[in-house]
Amino acid sequence: RTGEPSMTEPITLVQESADQAGLVVYAPVWRDEQAGLPDAF
């Protein structure tokens, strides 16, 4: 929606076996800026 990198709230990572929280920042990638959904993150 914003076109900018966005961070999750503290989450349990799929690959995490410990109890500590994980954080993921997603940055959208558009090859065609007119497209609705990005091609990747």
PDB file of all heavy atoms in Angstrom:
ATOM      1  N   ARG A   1       0.818  -1.212   0.000  1.00  0.00           N
ATOM      2  CA  ARG A   1       0.000   0.000   0.000  1.00  0.00           C
ATOM      3  C   ARG A   1       0.854   1.265   0.000  1.00  0.00           C
ATOM      4  O   ARG A   1       0.531   2.239  -0.664  1.00  0.00           O
ATOM      5  CB  ARG A   1      -0.935   0.013   1.220  1.00  0.00           C
ATOM      6  CG  ARG A   1      -1.999  -1.087   1.202  1.00  0.00           C
ATOM      7  CD  ARG A   1      -3.094  -0.773   2.222  1.00  0.00           C
ATOM      8  NE  ARG A   1      -2.566  -0.469   3.524  1.00  0.00           N
ATOM      9  CZ  ARG A   1      -2.329  -1.362   4.466  1.00  0.00           C
ATOM     10  NH1 ARG A   1      -2.565  -2.647   4.223  1.00  0.00           N
ATOM     11  NH2 ARG A   1      -1.866  -0.988   5.641  1.00  0.00           N
ATOM     12  N   THR A   2       1.939   1.246   0.777  1.00  0.00           N
ATOM     13  CA  THR A   2       2.746   2.466   0.920  1.00  0.00           C
ATOM     14  C   THR A   2       3.884   2.548  -0.078  1.00  0.00           C
ATOM     15  O   THR A   2       4.416   3.632  -0.324  1.00  0.00           O
ATOM     16  CB  THR A   2       3.328   2.535   2.342  1.00  0.00           C
ATOM     17  OG1 THR A   2       4.201   1.412   2.547  1.00  0.00           O
ATOM     18  CG2 THR A   2       2.218   2.522   3.378  1.00  0.00           C
ATOM     19  N   GLY A   3       4.285   1.395  -0.626  1.00  0.00           N
ATOM     20  CA  GLY A   3       5.431   1.381  -1.523  1.00  0.00           C
ATOM     21  C   GLY A   3       6.755   1.510  -0.785  1.00  0.00           C
ATOM     22  O   GLY A   3       7.794   1.699  -1.414  1.00  0.00           O
ATOM     23  N   GLU A   4       6.747   1.412   0.536  1.00  0.00           N
ATOM     24  CA  GLU A   4       7.951   1.553   1.351  1.00  0.00           C
ATOM     25  C   GLU A   4       8.178   0.285   2.168  1.00  0.00           C
ATOM     26  O   GLU A   4       7.231  -0.468   2.427  1.00  0.00           O
ATOM     27  CB  GLU A   4       7.808   2.750   2.315  1.00  0.00           C
ATOM     28  CG  GLU A   4       7.604   4.089   1.638  1.00  0.00           C
ATOM     29  CD  GLU A   4       8.844   4.546   0.903  1.00  0.00           C
ATOM     30  OE1 GLU A   4       9.942   4.056   1.247  1.00  0.00           O
ATOM     31  OE2 GLU A   4       8.717   5.373  -0.018  1.00  0.00           O
ATOM     32  N   PRO A   5       9.441   0.032   2.592  1.00  0.00           N
ATOM     33  CA  PRO A   5       9.701  -1.122   3.458  1.00  0.00           C
ATOM     34  C   PRO A   5       8.857  -1.048   4.731  1.00  0.00           C
ATOM     35  O   PRO A   5       8.691   0.018   5.311  1.00  0.00           O
ATOM     36  CB  PRO A   5      11.196  -1.007   3.764  1.00  0.00           C
ATOM     37  CG  PRO A   5      11.760  -0.212   2.635  1.00  0.00           C
ATOM     38  CD  PRO A   5      10.685   0.747   2.232  1.00  0.00           C
ATOM     39  N   SER A   6       8.308  -2.195   5.160  1.00  0.00           N
ATOM     40  CA  SER A   6       7.446  -2.232   6.344  1.00  0.00           C
ATOM     41  C   SER A   6       7.848  -3.405   7.221  1.00  0.00           C
ATOM     42  O   SER A   6       8.187  -4.486   6.728  1.00  0.00           O
ATOM     43  CB  SER A   6       5.970  -2.361   5.939  1.00  0.00           C
ATOM     44  OG  SER A   6       5.541  -1.205   5.241  1.00  0.00           O
ATOM     45  N   MET A   7       7.766  -3.185   8.548  1.00  0.00           N
ATOM     46  CA  MET A   7       8.202  -4.187   9.522  1.00  0.00           C
ATOM     47  C   MET A   7       7.007  -4.873  10.170  1.00  0.00           C
ATOM     48  O   MET A   7       5.951  -4.259  10.369  1.00  0.00           O
ATOM     49  CB  MET A   7       9.069  -3.515  10.597  1.00  0.00           C
ATOM     50  CG  MET A   7       9.552  -4.446  11.699  1.00  0.00           C
ATOM     51  SD  MET A   7      10.474  -3.567  12.994  1.00  0.00           S
ATOM     52  CE  MET A   7      11.989  -3.229  12.116  1.00  0.00           C
ATOM     53  N   THR A   8       7.185  -6.150  10.529  1.00  0.00           N
ATOM     54  CA  THR A   8       6.167  -6.884  11.268  1.00  0.00           C
ATOM     55  C   THR A   8       6.229  -6.511  12.744  1.00  0.00           C
ATOM     56  O   THR A   8       7.200  -5.935  13.214  1.00  0.00           O
ATOM     57  CB  THR A   8       6.384  -8.398  11.144  1.00  0.00           C
ATOM     58  OG1 THR A   8       7.621  -8.759  11.806  1.00  0.00           O
ATOM     59  CG2 THR A   8       6.434  -8.829   9.690  1.00  0.00           C
ATOM     60  N   GLU A   9       5.157  -6.843  13.477  1.00  0.00           N
ATOM     61  CA  GLU A   9       5.250  -6.826  14.928  1.00  0.00           C
ATOM     62  C   GLU A   9       6.110  -8.016  15.355  1.00  0.00           C
ATOM     63  O   GLU A   9       6.474  -8.850  14.536  1.00  0.00           O
ATOM     64  CB  GLU A   9       3.857  -6.920  15.542  1.00  0.00           C
ATOM     65  CG  GLU A   9       3.168  -8.269  15.334  1.00  0.00           C
ATOM     66  CD  GLU A   9       1.844  -8.349  16.079  1.00  0.00           C
ATOM     67  OE1 GLU A   9       0.975  -7.475  15.884  1.00  0.00           O
ATOM     68  OE2 GLU A   9       1.698  -9.308  16.856  1.00  0.00           O
ATOM     69  N   PRO A  10       6.502  -8.130  16.643  1.00  0.00           N
ATOM     70  CA  PRO A  10       7.284  -9.286  17.071  1.00  0.00           C
ATOM     71  C   PRO A  10       6.520 -10.593  16.766  1.00  0.00           C
ATOM     72  O   PRO A  10       5.356 -10.749  17.151  1.00  0.00           O
ATOM     73  CB  PRO A  10       7.449  -9.075  18.579  1.00  0.00           C
ATOM     74  CG  PRO A  10       7.280  -7.606  18.770  1.00  0.00           C
ATOM     75  CD  PRO A  10       6.288  -7.167  17.744  1.00  0.00           C
ATOM     76  N   ILE A  11       7.172 -11.500  16.042  1.00  0.00           N
ATOM     77  CA  ILE A  11       6.529 -12.747  15.632  1.00  0.00           C
ATOM     78  C   ILE A  11       7.432 -13.925  15.942  1.00  0.00           C
ATOM     79  O   ILE A  11       8.617 -13.764  16.237  1.00  0.00           O
ATOM     80  CB  ILE A  11       6.191 -12.735  14.120  1.00  0.00           C
ATOM     81  CG1 ILE A  11       7.489 -12.642  13.297  1.00  0.00           C
ATOM     82  CG2 ILE A  11       5.256 -11.604  13.771  1.00  0.00           C
ATOM     83  CD1 ILE A  11       7.268 -12.762  11.803  1.00  0.00           C
ATOM     84  N   THR A  12       6.857 -15.122  15.869  1.00  0.00           N
ATOM     85  CA  THR A  12       7.632 -16.356  15.957  1.00  0.00           C
ATOM     86  C   THR A  12       8.014 -16.776  14.546  1.00  0.00           C
ATOM     87  O   THR A  12       7.157 -17.060  13.721  1.00  0.00           O
ATOM     88  CB  THR A  12       6.828 -17.472  16.637  1.00  0.00           C
ATOM     89  OG1 THR A  12       6.463 -17.044  17.954  1.00  0.00           O
ATOM     90  CG2 THR A  12       7.658 -18.747  16.727  1.00  0.00           C
ATOM     91  N   LEU A  13       9.301 -16.785  14.241  1.00  0.00           N
ATOM     92  CA  LEU A  13       9.773 -17.125  12.906  1.00  0.00           C
ATOM     93  C   LEU A  13       9.600 -18.619  12.642  1.00  0.00           C
ATOM     94  O   LEU A  13       9.715 -19.447  13.554  1.00  0.00           O
ATOM     95  CB  LEU A  13      11.244 -16.743  12.750  1.00  0.00           C
ATOM     96  CG  LEU A  13      11.565 -15.244  12.908  1.00  0.00           C
ATOM     97  CD1 LEU A  13      13.068 -15.029  12.925  1.00  0.00           C
ATOM     98  CD2 LEU A  13      10.924 -14.450  11.779  1.00  0.00           C
ATOM     99  N   VAL A  14       9.339 -18.949  11.385  1.00  0.00           N
ATOM    100  CA  VAL A  14       9.179 -20.358  11.015  1.00  0.00           C
ATOM    101  C   VAL A  14      10.443 -21.131  11.347  1.00  0.00           C
ATOM    102  O   VAL A  14      10.393 -22.274  11.820  1.00  0.00           O
ATOM    103  CB  VAL A  14       8.849 -20.469   9.498  1.00  0.00           C
ATOM    104  CG1 VAL A  14       8.786 -21.927   9.077  1.00  0.00           C
ATOM    105  CG2 VAL A  14       7.559 -19.756   9.199  1.00  0.00           C
ATOM    106  N   GLN A  15      11.600 -20.500  11.111  1.00  0.00           N
ATOM    107  CA  GLN A  15      12.866 -21.186  11.295  1.00  0.00           C
ATOM    108  C   GLN A  15      13.428 -21.035  12.698  1.00  0.00           C
ATOM    109  O   GLN A  15      14.527 -21.514  12.972  1.00  0.00           O
ATOM    110  CB  GLN A  15      13.907 -20.642  10.306  1.00  0.00           C
ATOM    111  CG  GLN A  15      14.266 -19.172  10.496  1.00  0.00           C
ATOM    112  CD  GLN A  15      13.349 -18.243   9.742  1.00  0.00           C
ATOM    113  OE1 GLN A  15      12.174 -18.537   9.604  1.00  0.00           O
ATOM    114  NE2 GLN A  15      13.869 -17.124   9.250  1.00  0.00           N
ATOM    115  N   GLU A  16      12.682 -20.368  13.615  1.00  0.00           N
ATOM    116  CA  GLU A  16      13.206 -20.074  14.942  1.00  0.00           C
ATOM    117  C   GLU A  16      12.799 -21.159  15.926  1.00  0.00           C
ATOM    118  O   GLU A  16      11.618 -21.483  16.068  1.00  0.00           O
ATOM    119  CB  GLU A  16      12.678 -18.713  15.417  1.00  0.00           C
ATOM    120  CG  GLU A  16      13.181 -18.277  16.775  1.00  0.00           C
ATOM    121  CD  GLU A  16      14.671 -18.102  16.785  1.00  0.00           C
ATOM    122  OE1 GLU A  16      15.186 -17.199  16.108  1.00  0.00           O
ATOM    123  OE2 GLU A  16      15.339 -18.917  17.470  1.00  0.00           O
ATOM    124  N   SER A  17      13.805 -21.721  16.626  1.00  0.00           N
ATOM    125  CA  SER A  17      13.521 -22.731  17.640  1.00  0.00           C
ATOM    126  C   SER A  17      13.571 -22.152  19.042  1.00  0.00           C
ATOM    127  O   SER A  17      13.084 -22.747  19.982  1.00  0.00           O
ATOM    128  CB  SER A  17      14.544 -23.881  17.543  1.00  0.00           C
ATOM    129  OG  SER A  17      15.861 -23.388  17.705  1.00  0.00           O
ATOM    130  N   ALA A  18      14.192 -20.995  19.206  1.00  0.00           N
ATOM    131  CA  ALA A  18      14.288 -20.362  20.521  1.00  0.00           C
ATOM    132  C   ALA A  18      13.027 -19.552  20.809  1.00  0.00           C
ATOM    133  O   ALA A  18      12.139 -19.425  19.973  1.00  0.00           O
ATOM    134  CB  ALA A  18      15.528 -19.471  20.585  1.00  0.00           C
ATOM    135  N   ASP A  19      12.983 -18.968  22.028  1.00  0.00           N
ATOM    136  CA  ASP A  19      11.793 -18.228  22.438  1.00  0.00           C
ATOM    137  C   ASP A  19      11.832 -16.759  22.032  1.00  0.00           C
ATOM    138  O   ASP A  19      10.856 -16.051  22.220  1.00  0.00           O
ATOM    139  CB  ASP A  19      11.641 -18.302  23.971  1.00  0.00           C
ATOM    140  CG  ASP A  19      11.346 -19.716  24.426  1.00  0.00           C
ATOM    141  OD1 ASP A  19      10.776 -20.479  23.621  1.00  0.00           O
ATOM    142  OD2 ASP A  19      11.688 -20.041  25.573  1.00  0.00           O
ATOM    143  N   GLN A  20      12.952 -16.288  21.516  1.00  0.00           N
ATOM    144  CA  GLN A  20      13.037 -14.854  21.241  1.00  0.00           C
ATOM    145  C   GLN A  20      12.180 -14.469  20.037  1.00  0.00           C
ATOM    146  O   GLN A  20      11.922 -15.257  19.137  1.00  0.00           O
ATOM    147  CB  GLN A  20      14.490 -14.428  21.026  1.00  0.00           C
ATOM    148  CG  GLN A  20      15.153 -14.956  19.769  1.00  0.00           C
ATOM    149  CD  GLN A  20      16.517 -14.306  19.544  1.00  0.00           C
ATOM    150  OE1 GLN A  20      16.654 -13.089  19.681  1.00  0.00           O
ATOM    151  NE2 GLN A  20      17.517 -15.123  19.218  1.00  0.00           N
ATOM    152  N   ALA A  21      11.769 -13.190  20.046  1.00  0.00           N
ATOM    153  CA  ALA A  21      10.905 -12.684  18.992  1.00  0.00           C
ATOM    154  C   ALA A  21      11.701 -12.437  17.720  1.00  0.00           C
ATOM    155  O   ALA A  21      12.899 -12.161  17.755  1.00  0.00           O
ATOM    156  CB  ALA A  21      10.238 -11.388  19.449  1.00  0.00           C
ATOM    157  N   GLY A  22      11.007 -12.533  16.600  1.00  0.00           N
ATOM    158  CA  GLY A  22      11.606 -12.219  15.311  1.00  0.00           C
ATOM    159  C   GLY A  22      10.942 -10.998  14.700  1.00  0.00           C
ATOM    160  O   GLY A  22       9.790 -10.672  14.995  1.00  0.00           O
ATOM    161  N   LEU A  23      11.669 -10.302  13.851  1.00  0.00           N
ATOM    162  CA  LEU A  23      11.165  -9.128  13.131  1.00  0.00           C
ATOM    163  C   LEU A  23      11.547  -9.280  11.665  1.00  0.00           C
ATOM    164  O   LEU A  23      12.679  -9.663  11.355  1.00  0.00           O
ATOM    165  CB  LEU A  23      11.779  -7.841  13.681  1.00  0.00           C
ATOM    166  CG  LEU A  23      11.585  -7.551  15.175  1.00  0.00           C
ATOM    167  CD1 LEU A  23      12.520  -6.446  15.611  1.00  0.00           C
ATOM    168  CD2 LEU A  23      10.145  -7.148  15.450  1.00  0.00           C
ATOM    169  N   VAL A  24      10.611  -8.993  10.760  1.00  0.00           N
ATOM    170  CA  VAL A  24      10.887  -9.081   9.333  1.00  0.00           C
ATOM    171  C   VAL A  24      10.465  -7.765   8.683  1.00  0.00           C
ATOM    172  O   VAL A  24       9.375  -7.253   8.935  1.00  0.00           O
ATOM    173  CB  VAL A  24      10.138 -10.256   8.671  1.00  0.00           C
ATOM    174  CG1 VAL A  24      10.560 -10.380   7.207  1.00  0.00           C
ATOM    175  CG2 VAL A  24      10.395 -11.561   9.412  1.00  0.00           C
ATOM    176  N   VAL A  25      11.354  -7.213   7.863  1.00  0.00           N
ATOM    177  CA  VAL A  25      11.052  -6.002   7.095  1.00  0.00           C
ATOM    178  C   VAL A  25      10.927  -6.401   5.625  1.00  0.00           C
ATOM    179  O   VAL A  25      11.856  -6.967   5.052  1.00  0.00           O
ATOM    180  CB  VAL A  25      12.150  -4.938   7.261  1.00  0.00           C
ATOM    181  CG1 VAL A  25      11.816  -3.706   6.426  1.00  0.00           C
ATOM    182  CG2 VAL A  25      12.297  -4.549   8.725  1.00  0.00           C
ATOM    183  N   TYR A  26       9.756  -6.116   5.032  1.00  0.00           N
ATOM    184  CA  TYR A  26       9.492  -6.465   3.637  1.00  0.00           C
ATOM    185  C   TYR A  26       9.588  -5.211   2.768  1.00  0.00           C
ATOM    186  O   TYR A  26       9.022  -4.163   3.099  1.00  0.00           O
ATOM    187  CB  TYR A  26       8.090  -7.070   3.488  1.00  0.00           C
ATOM    188  CG  TYR A  26       7.944  -8.415   4.151  1.00  0.00           C
ATOM    189  CD1 TYR A  26       7.319  -8.532   5.392  1.00  0.00           C
ATOM    190  CD2 TYR A  26       8.429  -9.570   3.550  1.00  0.00           C
ATOM    191  CE1 TYR A  26       7.182  -9.756   6.018  1.00  0.00           C
ATOM    192  CE2 TYR A  26       8.297 -10.809   4.176  1.00  0.00           C
ATOM    193  CZ  TYR A  26       7.674 -10.896   5.399  1.00  0.00           C
ATOM    194  OH  TYR A  26       7.545 -12.108   6.005  1.00  0.00           O
ATOM    195  N   ALA A  27      10.301  -5.325   1.637  1.00  0.00           N
ATOM    196  CA  ALA A  27      10.418  -4.237   0.670  1.00  0.00           C
ATOM    197  C   ALA A  27       9.839  -4.725  -0.664  1.00  0.00           C
ATOM    198  O   ALA A  27      10.323  -5.710  -1.228  1.00  0.00           O
ATOM    199  CB  ALA A  27      11.879  -3.821   0.484  1.00  0.00           C
ATOM    200  N   PRO A  28       8.782  -4.079  -1.205  1.00  0.00           N
ATOM    201  CA  PRO A  28       8.153  -4.546  -2.439  1.00  0.00           C
ATOM    202  C   PRO A  28       9.034  -4.265  -3.660  1.00  0.00           C
ATOM    203  O   PRO A  28       9.768  -3.282  -3.689  1.00  0.00           O
ATOM    204  CB  PRO A  28       6.845  -3.752  -2.485  1.00  0.00           C
ATOM    205  CG  PRO A  28       7.157  -2.496  -1.720  1.00  0.00           C
ATOM    206  CD  PRO A  28       8.116  -2.884  -0.647  1.00  0.00           C
ATOM    207  N   VAL A  29       8.920  -5.148  -4.674  1.00  0.00           N
ATOM    208  CA  VAL A  29       9.691  -5.003  -5.914  1.00  0.00           C
ATOM    209  C   VAL A  29       8.717  -5.022  -7.086  1.00  0.00           C
ATOM    210  O   VAL A  29       8.046  -6.034  -7.334  1.00  0.00           O
ATOM    211  CB  VAL A  29      10.730  -6.134  -6.068  1.00  0.00           C
ATOM    212  CG1 VAL A  29      11.535  -5.929  -7.361  1.00  0.00           C
ATOM    213  CG2 VAL A  29      11.641  -6.182  -4.855  1.00  0.00           C
ATOM    214  N   TRP A  30       8.622  -3.893  -7.795  1.00  0.00           N
ATOM    215  CA  TRP A  30       7.787  -3.795  -9.002  1.00  0.00           C
ATOM    216  C   TRP A  30       8.683  -3.663 -10.236  1.00  0.00           C
ATOM    217  O   TRP A  30       9.560  -2.796 -10.279  1.00  0.00           O
ATOM    218  CB  TRP A  30       6.887  -2.556  -8.940  1.00  0.00           C
ATOM    219  CG  TRP A  30       5.630  -2.724  -8.174  1.00  0.00           C
ATOM    220  CD1 TRP A  30       4.475  -3.338  -8.576  1.00  0.00           C
ATOM    221  CD2 TRP A  30       5.373  -2.239  -6.849  1.00  0.00           C
ATOM    222  NE1 TRP A  30       3.517  -3.276  -7.599  1.00  0.00           N
ATOM    223  CE2 TRP A  30       4.041  -2.596  -6.506  1.00  0.00           C
ATOM    224  CE3 TRP A  30       6.127  -1.553  -5.921  1.00  0.00           C
ATOM    225  CZ2 TRP A  30       3.473  -2.283  -5.295  1.00  0.00           C
ATOM    226  CZ3 TRP A  30       5.574  -1.240  -4.707  1.00  0.00           C
ATOM    227  CH2 TRP A  30       4.248  -1.607  -4.390  1.00  0.00           C
ATOM    228  N   ARG A  31       8.483  -4.520 -11.209  1.00  0.00           N
ATOM    229  CA  ARG A  31       9.117  -4.298 -12.515  1.00  0.00           C
ATOM    230  C   ARG A  31       8.277  -3.311 -13.320  1.00  0.00           C
ATOM    231  O   ARG A  31       8.801  -2.532 -14.103  1.00  0.00           O
ATOM    232  CB  ARG A  31       9.267  -5.615 -13.280  1.00  0.00           C
ATOM    233  CG  ARG A  31      10.184  -6.623 -12.585  1.00  0.00           C
ATOM    234  CD  ARG A  31      10.347  -7.876 -13.443  1.00  0.00           C
ATOM    235  NE  ARG A  31      11.086  -8.894 -12.715  1.00  0.00           N
ATOM    236  CZ  ARG A  31      12.409  -8.959 -12.658  1.00  0.00           C
ATOM    237  NH1 ARG A  31      13.124  -8.036 -13.290  1.00  0.00           N
ATOM    238  NH2 ARG A  31      13.014  -9.899 -11.974  1.00  0.00           N
ATOM    239  N   ASP A  32       6.969  -3.379 -13.134  1.00  0.00           N
ATOM    240  CA  ASP A  32       6.048  -2.456 -13.790  1.00  0.00           C
ATOM    241  C   ASP A  32       5.354  -1.658 -12.686  1.00  0.00           C
ATOM    242  O   ASP A  32       4.552  -2.205 -11.917  1.00  0.00           O
ATOM    243  CB  ASP A  32       5.021  -3.226 -14.632  1.00  0.00           C
ATOM    244  CG  ASP A  32       4.028  -2.275 -15.340  1.00  0.00           C
ATOM    245  OD1 ASP A  32       4.206  -1.033 -15.212  1.00  0.00           O
ATOM    246  OD2 ASP A  32       3.107  -2.786 -15.990  1.00  0.00           O
ATOM    247  N   GLU A  33       5.673  -0.383 -12.578  1.00  0.00           N
ATOM    248  CA  GLU A  33       5.149   0.428 -11.471  1.00  0.00           C
ATOM    249  C   GLU A  33       3.648   0.656 -11.577  1.00  0.00           C
ATOM    250  O   GLU A  33       3.008   1.102 -10.627  1.00  0.00           O
ATOM    251  CB  GLU A  33       5.868   1.778 -11.435  1.00  0.00           C
ATOM    252  CG  GLU A  33       7.347   1.655 -11.120  1.00  0.00           C
ATOM    253  CD  GLU A  33       8.005   3.012 -10.960  1.00  0.00           C
ATOM    254  OE1 GLU A  33       7.296   4.023 -11.166  1.00  0.00           O
ATOM    255  OE2 GLU A  33       9.194   3.056 -10.638  1.00  0.00           O
ATOM    256  N   GLN A  34       3.056   0.380 -12.754  1.00  0.00           N
ATOM    257  CA  GLN A  34       1.621   0.548 -12.920  1.00  0.00           C
ATOM    258  C   GLN A  34       0.847  -0.677 -12.435  1.00  0.00           C
ATOM    259  O   GLN A  34      -0.381  -0.638 -12.343  1.00  0.00           O
ATOM    260  CB  GLN A  34       1.292   0.809 -14.408  1.00  0.00           C
ATOM    261  CG  GLN A  34       2.003   2.033 -14.983  1.00  0.00           C
ATOM    262  CD  GLN A  34       1.656   3.298 -14.232  1.00  0.00           C
ATOM    263  OE1 GLN A  34       0.504   3.502 -13.839  1.00  0.00           O
ATOM    264  NE2 GLN A  34       2.657   4.155 -14.015  1.00  0.00           N
ATOM    265  N   ALA A  35       1.537  -1.773 -12.196  1.00  0.00           N
ATOM    266  CA  ALA A  35       0.863  -3.011 -11.780  1.00  0.00           C
ATOM    267  C   ALA A  35       0.328  -2.859 -10.361  1.00  0.00           C
ATOM    268  O   ALA A  35       0.853  -2.088  -9.554  1.00  0.00           O
ATOM    269  CB  ALA A  35       1.824  -4.185 -11.872  1.00  0.00           C
ATOM    270  N   GLY A  36      -0.703  -3.640 -10.057  1.00  0.00           N
ATOM    271  CA  GLY A  36      -1.291  -3.564  -8.728  1.00  0.00           C
ATOM    272  C   GLY A  36      -0.413  -4.245  -7.694  1.00  0.00           C
ATOM    273  O   GLY A  36       0.048  -3.631  -6.737  1.00  0.00           O
ATOM    274  N   LEU A  37      -0.170  -5.556  -7.877  1.00  0.00           N
ATOM    275  CA  LEU A  37       0.680  -6.293  -6.958  1.00  0.00           C
ATOM    276  C   LEU A  37       2.124  -6.238  -7.421  1.00  0.00           C
ATOM    277  O   LEU A  37       2.405  -6.187  -8.623  1.00  0.00           O
ATOM    278  CB  LEU A  37       0.227  -7.758  -6.876  1.00  0.00           C
ATOM    279  CG  LEU A  37      -1.065  -8.033  -6.112  1.00  0.00           C
ATOM    280  CD1 LEU A  37      -1.414  -9.512  -6.182  1.00  0.00           C
ATOM    281  CD2 LEU A  37      -0.930  -7.592  -4.658  1.00  0.00           C
ATOM    282  N   PRO A  38       3.085  -6.278  -6.483  1.00  0.00           N
ATOM    283  CA  PRO A  38       4.489  -6.317  -6.881  1.00  0.00           C
ATOM    284  C   PRO A  38       4.838  -7.690  -7.459  1.00  0.00           C
ATOM    285  O   PRO A  38       4.112  -8.661  -7.289  1.00  0.00           O
ATOM    286  CB  PRO A  38       5.230  -6.053  -5.568  1.00  0.00           C
ATOM    287  CG  PRO A  38       4.303  -6.527  -4.510  1.00  0.00           C
ATOM    288  CD  PRO A  38       2.913  -6.257  -5.014  1.00  0.00           C
ATOM    289  N   ASP A  39       5.974  -7.754  -8.140  1.00  0.00           N
ATOM    290  CA  ASP A  39       6.452  -9.031  -8.668  1.00  0.00           C
ATOM    291  C   ASP A  39       7.089  -9.870  -7.573  1.00  0.00           C
ATOM    292  O   ASP A  39       7.121 -11.103  -7.680  1.00  0.00           O
ATOM    293  CB  ASP A  39       7.475  -8.782  -9.781  1.00  0.00           C
ATOM    294  CG  ASP A  39       6.847  -8.042 -10.955  1.00  0.00           C
ATOM    295  OD1 ASP A  39       6.239  -8.700 -11.806  1.00  0.00           O
ATOM    296  OD2 ASP A  39       6.958  -6.800 -10.991  1.00  0.00           O
ATOM    297  N   ALA A  40       7.605  -9.223  -6.554  1.00  0.00           N
ATOM    298  CA  ALA A  40       8.289  -9.948  -5.481  1.00  0.00           C
ATOM    299  C   ALA A  40       8.478  -9.010  -4.296  1.00  0.00           C
ATOM    300  O   ALA A  40       8.137  -7.819  -4.344  1.00  0.00           O
ATOM    301  CB  ALA A  40       9.642 -10.477  -5.975  1.00  0.00           C
ATOM    302  N   PHE A  41       9.025  -9.578  -3.212  1.00  0.00           N
ATOM    303  CA  PHE A  41       9.463  -8.807  -2.051  1.00  0.00           C
ATOM    304  C   PHE A  41      10.896  -9.217  -1.734  1.00  0.00           C
ATOM    305  O   PHE A  41      11.298 -10.366  -1.988  1.00  0.00           O
ATOM    306  CB  PHE A  41       8.609  -9.102  -0.801  1.00  0.00           C
ATOM    307  CG  PHE A  41       7.159  -8.737  -0.931  1.00  0.00           C
ATOM    308  CD1 PHE A  41       6.236  -9.641  -1.436  1.00  0.00           C
ATOM    309  CD2 PHE A  41       6.703  -7.486  -0.534  1.00  0.00           C
ATOM    310  CE1 PHE A  41       4.892  -9.324  -1.547  1.00  0.00           C
ATOM    311  CE2 PHE A  41       5.363  -7.161  -0.638  1.00  0.00           C
ATOM    312  CZ  PHE A  41       4.459  -8.079  -1.149  1.00  0.00           C
TER     313      PHE A  41
END
